[in-house]
C-alpha atoms as a PDB file:
ATOM      1  CA  UNK A   1     152.501  92.401 108.049  1.00  0.00           C
ATOM      2  CA  UNK A   2     149.475  90.660 106.664  1.00  0.00           C
ATOM      3  CA  UNK A   3     148.082  87.280 107.755  1.00  0.00           C
ATOM      4  CA  UNK A   4     149.039  84.236 105.597  1.00  0.00           C
ATOM      5  CA  UNK A   5     146.513  83.275 102.881  1.00  0.00           C
ATOM      6  CA  UNK A   6     144.454  80.292 103.385  1.00  0.00           C
ATOM      7  CA  UNK A   7     145.539  77.355 101.106  1.00  0.00           C
ATOM      8  CA  UNK A   8     143.394  77.080  97.982  1.00  0.00           C
ATOM      9  CA  UNK A   9     141.141  74.142  97.890  1.00  0.00           C
ATOM     10  CA  UNK A  10     141.684  72.089  94.682  1.00  0.00           C
ATOM     11  CA  UNK A  11     139.689  73.543  91.797  1.00  0.00           C
ATOM     12  CA  UNK A  12     137.703  70.657  90.253  1.00  0.00           C
ATOM     13  CA  UNK A  13     139.438  69.089  87.366  1.00  0.00           C
ATOM     14  CA  UNK A  14     136.148  68.262  85.582  1.00  0.00           C
ATOM     15  CA  UNK A  15     132.784  69.963  85.346  1.00  0.00           C
ATOM     16  CA  UNK A  16     131.211  66.872  86.830  1.00  0.00           C
ATOM     17  CA  UNK A  17     129.606  67.725  90.129  1.00  0.00           C
ATOM     18  CA  UNK A  18     129.526  71.565  89.592  1.00  0.00           C
ATOM     19  CA  UNK A  19     126.147  73.167  90.487  1.00  0.00           C
ATOM     20  CA  UNK A  20     124.390  74.939  87.702  1.00  0.00           C
ATOM     21  CA  UNK A  21     125.175  78.298  89.209  1.00  0.00           C
ATOM     22  CA  UNK A  22     128.919  77.536  89.540  1.00  0.00           C
ATOM     23  CA  UNK A  23     129.116  76.066  86.084  1.00  0.00           C
ATOM     24  CA  UNK A  24     127.492  79.133  84.512  1.00  0.00           C
ATOM     25  CA  UNK A  25     129.707  81.641  86.474  1.00  0.00           C
ATOM     26  CA  UNK A  26     126.922  82.837  88.701  1.00  0.00           C
ATOM     27  CA  UNK A  27     128.264  81.398  92.082  1.00  0.00           C
ATOM     28  CA  UNK A  28     131.590  81.084  93.860  1.00  0.00           C
ATOM     29  CA  UNK A  29     133.363  77.905  93.195  1.00  0.00           C
ATOM     30  CA  UNK A  30     134.469  77.554  96.839  1.00  0.00           C
ATOM     31  CA  UNK A  31     131.457  78.556  98.983  1.00  0.00           C
ATOM     32  CA  UNK A  32     128.743  78.580  96.185  1.00  0.00           C
ATOM     33  CA  UNK A  33     127.307  81.849  97.229  1.00  0.00           C
ATOM     34  CA  UNK A  34     125.712  83.758  94.406  1.00  0.00           C
ATOM     35  CA  UNK A  35     128.069  86.468  92.943  1.00  0.00           C
ATOM     36  CA  UNK A  36     125.877  89.557  93.583  1.00  0.00           C
ATOM     37  CA  UNK A  37     128.584  91.789  95.137  1.00  0.00           C
ATOM     38  CA  UNK A  38     131.408  93.403  93.112  1.00  0.00           C
ATOM     39  CA  UNK A  39     135.021  91.911  93.455  1.00  0.00           C
ATOM     40  CA  UNK A  40     134.286  88.584  91.948  1.00  0.00           C
ATOM     41  CA  UNK A  41     137.280  87.156  90.018  1.00  0.00           C
ATOM     42  CA  UNK A  42     137.752  84.377  87.682  1.00  0.00           C
ATOM     43  CA  UNK A  43     139.680  81.630  89.354  1.00  0.00           C
ATOM     44  CA  UNK A  44     140.425  78.782  86.807  1.00  0.00           C
ATOM     45  CA  UNK A  45     139.377  77.426  83.501  1.00  0.00           C
ATOM     46  CA  UNK A  46     137.968  73.799  83.834  1.00  0.00           C
ATOM     47  CA  UNK A  47     138.325  72.014  80.469  1.00  0.00           C
ATOM     48  CA  UNK A  48     136.292  68.937  79.546  1.00  0.00           C
ATOM     49  CA  UNK A  49     134.986  67.490  76.324  1.00  0.00           C
ATOM     50  CA  UNK A  50     132.426  64.959  75.616  1.00  0.00           C
ATOM     51  CA  UNK A  51     133.408  63.798  72.182  1.00  0.00           C
ATOM     52  CA  UNK A  52     133.128  66.907  70.001  1.00  0.00           C
ATOM     53  CA  UNK A  53     131.140  68.908  72.470  1.00  0.00           C
ATOM     54  CA  UNK A  54     133.144  71.358  74.547  1.00  0.00           C
ATOM     55  CA  UNK A  55     131.864  71.494  78.159  1.00  0.00           C
ATOM     56  CA  UNK A  56     134.595  73.836  79.462  1.00  0.00           C
ATOM     57  CA  UNK A  57     133.803  76.639  81.741  1.00  0.00           C
ATOM     58  CA  UNK A  58     135.574  79.365  83.794  1.00  0.00           C
ATOM     59  CA  UNK A  59     134.893  79.156  87.452  1.00  0.00           C
ATOM     60  CA  UNK A  60     134.669  82.238  89.670  1.00  0.00           C
ATOM     61  CA  UNK A  61     135.380  83.157  93.183  1.00  0.00           C
ATOM     62  CA  UNK A  62     133.509  85.708  95.374  1.00  0.00           C
ATOM     63  CA  UNK A  63     135.378  88.585  96.695  1.00  0.00           C
ATOM     64  CA  UNK A  64     135.653  87.390 100.356  1.00  0.00           C
ATOM     65  CA  UNK A  65     137.018  83.902  99.320  1.00  0.00           C
ATOM     66  CA  UNK A  66     139.441  85.559  96.882  1.00  0.00           C
ATOM     67  CA  UNK A  67     140.614  87.858  99.376  1.00  0.00           C
ATOM     68  CA  UNK A  68     141.040  85.235 102.103  1.00  0.00           C
ATOM     69  CA  UNK A  69     143.051  82.984  99.649  1.00  0.00           C
ATOM     70  CA  UNK A  70     145.139  85.876  98.165  1.00  0.00           C
ATOM     71  CA  UNK A  71     143.703  85.351  94.568  1.00  0.00           C
ATOM     72  CA  UNK A  72     144.303  88.248  92.262  1.00  0.00           C
ATOM     73  CA  UNK A  73     146.836  90.071  94.501  1.00  0.00           C
ATOM     74  CA  UNK A  74     150.082  91.326  93.102  1.00  0.00           C
ATOM     75  CA  UNK A  75     152.973  89.038  93.969  1.00  0.00           C
END
């Protein structure tokens, strides 16, 4: 039997407050560690618009955070 996954912290609803690295998909959305190791996964799409400008981005999670939270595992 496996341990229960940690609850997912809320993924930001807007891009406001995301660091440059998280916004550009270079760092984990939860721990903000740079995604240098294999196993990173896309976690969510954060959509935001400023008038006609699309500020949306895909946020990523590092392998340890995704594994601890059960992201990407088969149901």
